[in-house]
């Protein structure tokens, strides 16, 4: 099968389209014919092996443990492993797997769900990682409730675009932070208010919940945007150097939280079948629609990864196979 492979860490120049053996599903797994695969910022980190903390977390010290990149996918079940009874060959599914930048990939059945009929394969492929992250950030870490005021920083990004829609679904009043050129896109997602960070500071108001998906702002600055007793949820960690990335900001938040009047939380998200079902139901009901910036063929995957890393995209970038 065709796949995008890397044998060692480096720039995206280490990625190479190559013919490799088709994988086989084990117990509790399915083999999927991939029709589309999502590209998220985490792909660039796995290509470069930075921050180095990723290598210590099991992704491979000297070289990637799994040479095929990609997590998000949507496709058709080709074969099922032992013990799989919930899906069968021919079913259309979406979710997370190891190595979705390939014609075929193996996924754990606990990390897939039926593809929403309302969504294309490209839209479904953009959903699992970013959608689950936004859902868990708002519902689990943020404990969002109807009537609350929610600020989403990075609202035009992959996670942020889902977060705006989900927060509205949960009954919150949503203020979205983005750049000038993406303001109309964010309004179309349902944001009640838009703050252009190039022109104004979002701390002019106070919010019950701040979901920070994109900034590298310090905790003191972010806390100025919170109501007394408000909650800050930090999603991901950009910047911060080669060793830890932005993880240290999350660690400091966890240490500081018991001693201040705010709940400060870092989010470690995971794709779970139950959350994919929530997203599927919301998508079928028309309450959540993935925002697609552009698509690339698998042969142009390097250009897609570079485009996402430079921060140009509004919503998600998707590879088609």
Protein backbone atom coordinates (compact mmCIF):
# COMPACT_ATOMS: atom_id res chain seq x y z
CA UNK A 1 0.00 0.00 0.00
CA UNK A 2 0.99 3.65 -0.37
CA UNK A 3 1.95 5.43 2.86
CA UNK A 4 3.80 8.51 4.11
CA UNK A 5 6.81 7.18 6.00
CA UNK A 6 9.66 8.60 8.09
CA UNK A 7 12.67 6.65 9.29
CA UNK A 8 14.13 9.31 11.57
CA UNK A 9 13.25 12.66 13.13
CA UNK A 10 13.81 15.93 11.32
CA UNK A 11 12.02 18.49 9.21
CA UNK A 12 9.16 17.45 6.94
CA UNK A 13 11.87 16.64 4.37
CA UNK A 14 12.31 13.29 6.14
CA UNK A 15 8.80 12.24 5.04
CA UNK A 16 8.71 9.96 2.03
CA UNK A 17 5.80 8.43 0.08
CA UNK A 18 6.59 4.73 -0.08
CA UNK A 19 5.09 1.31 -0.72
CA UNK A 20 4.86 -0.63 2.55
CA UNK A 21 3.17 -3.83 3.70
CA UNK A 22 -0.52 -3.58 4.48
CA UNK A 23 -1.08 -4.00 8.24
CA UNK A 24 -3.33 -6.69 9.72
CA UNK A 25 -5.81 -6.15 12.56
CA UNK A 26 -5.27 -7.86 15.90
CA UNK A 27 -7.85 -8.71 18.57
CA UNK A 28 -10.18 -5.77 19.16
CA UNK A 29 -8.97 -3.98 16.04
CA UNK A 30 -10.20 -3.28 12.52
CA UNK A 31 -8.41 -2.72 9.24
CA UNK A 32 -9.77 0.39 7.54
CA UNK A 33 -9.51 1.53 3.95
CA UNK A 34 -8.67 5.20 4.56
CA UNK A 35 -10.57 7.69 2.40
CA UNK A 36 -9.44 10.86 4.20
CA UNK A 37 -7.06 11.75 7.04
CA UNK A 38 -6.92 14.86 9.21
CA UNK A 39 -3.76 16.92 9.67
CA UNK A 40 -3.35 18.52 13.10
CA UNK A 41 -0.45 20.49 14.67
CA UNK A 42 0.63 17.42 16.61
CA UNK A 43 1.79 15.76 13.37
CA UNK A 44 4.62 18.27 13.02
CA UNK A 45 5.79 17.52 16.58
CA UNK A 46 5.88 13.79 15.85
CA UNK A 47 7.82 14.40 12.63
CA UNK A 48 10.45 16.52 14.38
CA UNK A 49 10.44 14.62 17.67
CA UNK A 50 10.12 17.92 19.51
CA UNK A 51 9.60 18.72 22.26
CA UNK A 52 11.92 15.91 23.36
CA UNK A 53 9.43 15.03 26.08
CA UNK A 54 7.43 13.23 23.36
CA UNK A 55 10.27 10.77 22.87
CA UNK A 56 10.34 9.99 26.58
CA UNK A 57 6.60 9.39 26.51
CA UNK A 58 7.02 6.39 24.24
CA UNK A 59 7.04 7.72 20.68
CA UNK A 60 10.63 6.54 20.13
CA UNK A 61 13.91 7.91 21.48
CA UNK A 62 16.12 7.91 18.38
CA UNK A 63 13.52 7.32 15.68
CA UNK A 64 9.74 7.15 15.51
CA UNK A 65 8.37 3.91 16.94
CA UNK A 66 5.70 3.96 14.24
CA UNK A 67 7.08 5.19 10.90
CA UNK A 68 3.71 6.14 9.35
CA UNK A 69 2.26 9.49 10.43
CA UNK A 70 -1.37 10.45 10.96
CA UNK A 71 -4.09 9.95 13.59
CA UNK A 72 -7.48 11.26 12.39
CA UNK A 73 -9.19 9.24 9.69
CA UNK A 74 -12.46 8.33 8.02
CA UNK A 75 -12.91 5.29 5.85
CA UNK A 76 -14.48 1.90 5.30
CA UNK A 77 -13.92 -1.21 7.38
CA UNK A 78 -12.03 -3.76 5.32
CA UNK A 79 -11.40 -6.51 7.87
CA UNK A 80 -12.10 -7.14 11.56
CA UNK A 81 -9.90 -8.76 14.15
CA UNK A 82 -10.87 -11.38 16.73
CA UNK A 83 -13.58 -10.34 19.16
CA UNK A 84 -14.91 -7.43 17.09
CA UNK A 85 -18.69 -7.60 16.85
CA UNK A 86 -19.83 -3.96 16.71
CA UNK A 87 -18.70 -3.29 13.13
CA UNK A 88 -18.27 -5.38 10.01
CA UNK A 89 -16.61 -5.04 6.60
CA UNK A 90 -18.21 -2.32 4.51
CA UNK A 91 -19.18 -0.10 7.45
CA UNK A 92 -18.21 3.57 7.15
CA UNK A 93 -16.38 4.75 10.29
CA UNK A 94 -14.29 7.61 11.65
CA UNK A 95 -11.95 7.94 14.59
CA UNK A 96 -8.29 7.71 15.56
CA UNK A 97 -5.69 5.18 14.52
CA UNK A 98 -1.93 4.80 14.23
CA UNK A 99 -0.71 5.74 10.77
CA UNK A 100 -3.68 7.26 8.92
CA UNK A 101 -1.50 8.81 6.18
CA UNK A 102 -1.77 5.57 4.25
CA UNK A 103 -4.22 3.66 2.08
CA UNK A 104 -4.95 1.25 4.93
CA UNK A 105 -4.64 1.61 8.70
CA UNK A 106 -5.41 -0.40 11.81
CA UNK A 107 -7.62 1.15 14.49
CA UNK A 108 -8.78 -0.05 17.88
CA UNK A 109 -12.54 -0.60 17.81
CA UNK A 110 -12.80 1.42 21.06
CA UNK A 111 -11.57 4.50 19.16
CA UNK A 112 -13.94 4.48 16.21
CA UNK A 113 -17.63 5.20 15.61
CA UNK A 114 -20.03 5.09 12.66
CA UNK A 115 -19.41 7.97 10.26
CA UNK A 116 -22.19 10.57 10.44
CA UNK A 117 -24.23 10.25 7.26
CA UNK A 118 -24.51 14.04 7.08
CA UNK A 119 -20.72 14.45 6.85
CA UNK A 120 -18.41 13.71 3.95
CA UNK A 121 -15.37 11.50 4.53
CA UNK A 122 -13.25 14.66 4.54
CA UNK A 123 -15.38 16.29 7.24
CA UNK A 124 -15.48 13.13 9.35
CA UNK A 125 -11.70 12.76 9.09
CA UNK A 126 -11.32 16.22 10.64
CA UNK A 127 -13.41 15.37 13.68
CA UNK A 128 -11.93 12.80 16.06
CA UNK A 129 -8.85 14.41 17.63
CA UNK A 130 -9.93 18.07 17.54
CA UNK A 131 -13.58 17.34 18.33
CA UNK A 132 -12.80 15.12 21.31
CA UNK A 133 -10.27 17.65 22.60
CA UNK A 134 -12.80 20.47 22.46
CA UNK A 135 -15.52 18.33 24.01
CA UNK A 136 -13.37 17.18 26.91
CA UNK A 137 -11.95 20.67 27.45
CA UNK A 138 -15.40 22.22 27.80
CA UNK A 139 -17.39 19.44 29.43
CA UNK A 140 -14.87 17.56 31.57
CA UNK A 141 -12.14 20.04 32.47
CA UNK A 142 -14.22 23.20 32.08
CA UNK A 143 -17.53 21.90 33.48
CA UNK A 144 -19.39 24.31 31.22
CA UNK A 145 -23.02 25.04 32.11
CA UNK A 146 -25.90 26.78 30.30
CA UNK A 147 -25.83 30.55 30.70
CA UNK A 148 -22.10 30.78 31.36
CA UNK A 149 -19.82 33.12 29.45
CA UNK A 150 -17.07 31.25 27.59
CA UNK A 151 -13.97 32.67 25.91
CA UNK A 152 -12.34 30.52 23.23
CA UNK A 153 -8.79 31.59 22.34
CA UNK A 154 -7.73 30.29 18.94
CA UNK A 155 -11.35 30.00 17.83
CA UNK A 156 -10.51 29.59 14.14
CA UNK A 157 -8.23 26.60 14.71
CA UNK A 158 -9.06 22.93 14.60
CA UNK A 159 -9.93 22.59 18.30
CA UNK A 160 -11.22 26.15 18.60
CA UNK A 161 -13.70 25.83 15.74
CA UNK A 162 -15.23 22.78 17.42
CA UNK A 163 -15.17 24.50 20.81
CA UNK A 164 -17.19 27.49 19.59
CA UNK A 165 -19.91 25.22 18.22
CA UNK A 166 -19.95 22.89 21.22
CA UNK A 167 -20.07 25.75 23.74
CA UNK A 168 -23.12 27.15 21.92
CA UNK A 169 -24.70 23.69 21.99
CA UNK A 170 -24.13 23.57 25.75
CA UNK A 171 -26.02 26.87 26.11
CA UNK A 172 -23.09 29.21 26.76
CA UNK A 173 -22.53 32.76 25.55
CA UNK A 174 -19.40 32.48 23.43
CA UNK A 175 -16.71 35.07 22.73
CA UNK A 176 -14.17 33.98 20.14
CA UNK A 177 -10.59 35.24 19.84
CA UNK A 178 -8.99 35.13 16.39
CA UNK A 179 -7.15 37.29 13.84
CA UNK A 180 -8.76 39.88 11.58
CA UNK A 181 -8.97 37.68 8.50
CA UNK A 182 -10.78 34.87 10.31
CA UNK A 183 -13.44 36.91 12.12
CA UNK A 184 -16.20 36.23 9.59
CA UNK A 185 -15.45 32.51 9.67
CA UNK A 186 -15.74 32.43 13.45
CA UNK A 187 -19.01 34.39 13.42
CA UNK A 188 -20.41 31.84 10.99
CA UNK A 189 -19.63 29.11 13.53
CA UNK A 190 -22.06 30.78 15.94
CA UNK A 191 -19.86 32.95 18.17
CA UNK A 192 -21.84 35.69 19.93
CA UNK A 193 -18.85 38.05 20.06
CA UNK A 194 -15.49 38.16 18.29
CA UNK A 195 -12.28 39.69 19.64
CA UNK A 196 -9.56 40.49 17.10
CA UNK A 197 -6.39 39.88 19.10
CA UNK A 198 -4.37 42.04 16.71
CA UNK A 199 -6.42 45.09 17.73
CA UNK A 200 -7.67 44.56 21.28
CA UNK A 201 -7.01 42.68 24.50
CA UNK A 202 -9.57 40.03 25.43
CA UNK A 203 -9.18 40.82 29.13
CA UNK A 204 -11.58 43.75 28.79
CA UNK A 205 -14.34 41.39 29.97
CA UNK A 206 -14.55 38.59 32.52
CA UNK A 207 -15.57 35.04 31.64
CA UNK A 208 -16.71 32.02 33.60
CA UNK A 209 -14.59 29.72 31.42
CA UNK A 210 -11.54 30.45 29.27
CA UNK A 211 -10.46 27.71 26.86
CA UNK A 212 -6.98 28.54 25.61
CA UNK A 213 -6.22 26.48 22.50
CA UNK A 214 -3.61 28.63 20.83
CA UNK A 215 -1.88 31.27 22.90
CA UNK A 216 1.41 31.33 24.75
CA UNK A 217 0.22 34.01 27.16
CA UNK A 218 1.23 33.82 30.78
CA UNK A 219 -1.13 32.62 33.49
CA UNK A 220 -1.32 36.06 35.10
CA UNK A 221 -2.61 37.57 31.87
CA UNK A 222 -5.12 34.77 31.29
CA UNK A 223 -6.44 34.97 34.85
CA UNK A 224 -7.36 38.62 34.29
CA UNK A 225 -10.06 37.37 31.92
CA UNK A 226 -11.70 35.15 34.57
CA UNK A 227 -14.61 35.89 36.86
CA UNK A 228 -14.06 35.14 40.57
CA UNK A 229 -14.11 31.36 40.76
CA UNK A 230 -13.79 31.08 36.97
CA UNK A 231 -12.00 28.25 35.17
CA UNK A 232 -9.03 28.30 32.80
CA UNK A 233 -8.42 25.24 30.62
CA UNK A 234 -5.11 25.09 28.75
CA UNK A 235 -5.22 22.88 25.66
CA UNK A 236 -1.91 21.70 24.24
CA UNK A 237 1.39 23.46 24.60
CA UNK A 238 3.12 25.41 21.86
CA UNK A 239 6.38 27.26 22.31
CA UNK A 240 8.48 26.85 25.41
CA UNK A 241 11.62 25.30 23.93
CA UNK A 242 12.82 21.98 22.56
CA UNK A 243 12.59 19.96 25.75
CA UNK A 244 9.16 20.64 27.24
CA UNK A 245 7.34 22.70 24.62
CA UNK A 246 4.60 24.53 26.47
CA UNK A 247 4.04 21.79 29.03
CA UNK A 248 5.62 23.81 31.82
CA UNK A 249 2.77 26.34 31.64
CA UNK A 250 0.28 23.54 32.32
CA UNK A 251 2.41 22.23 35.17
CA UNK A 252 2.61 25.65 36.80
CA UNK A 253 -1.16 26.04 36.45
CA UNK A 254 -1.74 22.75 38.30
CA UNK A 255 0.59 23.81 41.12
CA UNK A 256 -0.92 27.29 41.40
CA UNK A 257 -4.59 26.32 41.22
CA UNK A 258 -5.10 25.31 44.90
CA UNK A 259 -3.78 28.69 46.09
CA UNK A 260 -5.79 31.10 43.94
CA UNK A 261 -9.47 31.86 43.48
CA UNK A 262 -9.60 30.25 40.02
CA UNK A 263 -9.66 26.69 38.72
CA UNK A 264 -6.60 26.28 36.49
CA UNK A 265 -6.58 23.09 34.45
CA UNK A 266 -4.40 21.53 31.78
CA UNK A 267 -6.05 19.11 29.39
CA UNK A 268 -4.67 15.74 28.35
CA UNK A 269 -7.29 14.56 25.89
CA UNK A 270 -7.90 11.13 24.39
CA UNK A 271 -10.14 9.84 21.64
CA UNK A 272 -12.83 7.63 23.15
CA UNK A 273 -15.67 5.81 21.45
CA UNK A 274 -18.29 7.33 23.75
CA UNK A 275 -17.17 10.86 22.89
CA UNK A 276 -17.11 10.03 19.18
CA UNK A 277 -20.73 8.97 19.56
CA UNK A 278 -21.57 12.33 21.14
CA UNK A 279 -19.90 14.13 18.23
CA UNK A 280 -21.65 11.86 15.72
CA UNK A 281 -25.07 12.64 17.20
CA UNK A 282 -24.38 16.38 17.24
CA UNK A 283 -23.15 16.25 13.65
CA UNK A 284 -26.24 14.33 12.53
CA UNK A 285 -28.42 16.93 14.25
CA UNK A 286 -26.62 19.75 12.45
CA UNK A 287 -25.30 21.24 15.70
CA UNK A 288 -21.63 20.63 14.85
CA UNK A 289 -20.04 20.84 11.40
CA UNK A 290 -16.27 20.45 10.96
CA UNK A 291 -14.61 23.52 9.46
CA UNK A 292 -12.36 22.50 6.55
CA UNK A 293 -9.76 24.98 5.34
CA UNK A 294 -8.49 22.93 2.39
CA UNK A 295 -7.69 19.43 1.24
CA UNK A 296 -4.52 17.93 -0.25
CA UNK A 297 -3.85 14.59 -1.94
CA UNK A 298 -1.63 12.20 0.01
CA UNK A 299 1.21 12.95 -2.40
CA UNK A 300 1.19 16.57 -1.14
CA UNK A 301 1.10 15.69 2.56
CA UNK A 302 4.36 17.53 3.27
CA UNK A 303 2.87 20.77 1.97
CA UNK A 304 -0.23 20.16 4.12
CA UNK A 305 1.80 19.63 7.31
CA UNK A 306 3.92 22.73 6.64
CA UNK A 307 0.78 24.79 5.99
CA UNK A 308 -0.76 23.77 9.31
CA UNK A 309 2.49 24.35 11.22
CA UNK A 310 2.73 27.92 9.92
CA UNK A 311 -0.67 28.67 11.45
CA UNK A 312 -2.40 29.62 8.22
CA UNK A 313 -5.38 27.29 8.42
CA UNK A 314 -8.90 28.20 9.48
CA UNK A 315 -10.27 24.96 10.85
CA UNK A 316 -8.79 21.68 9.66
CA UNK A 317 -6.64 20.53 6.79
CA UNK A 318 -7.41 17.09 5.35
CA UNK A 319 -5.58 14.61 3.13
CA UNK A 320 -7.61 12.69 0.56
CA UNK A 321 -6.74 9.20 -0.63
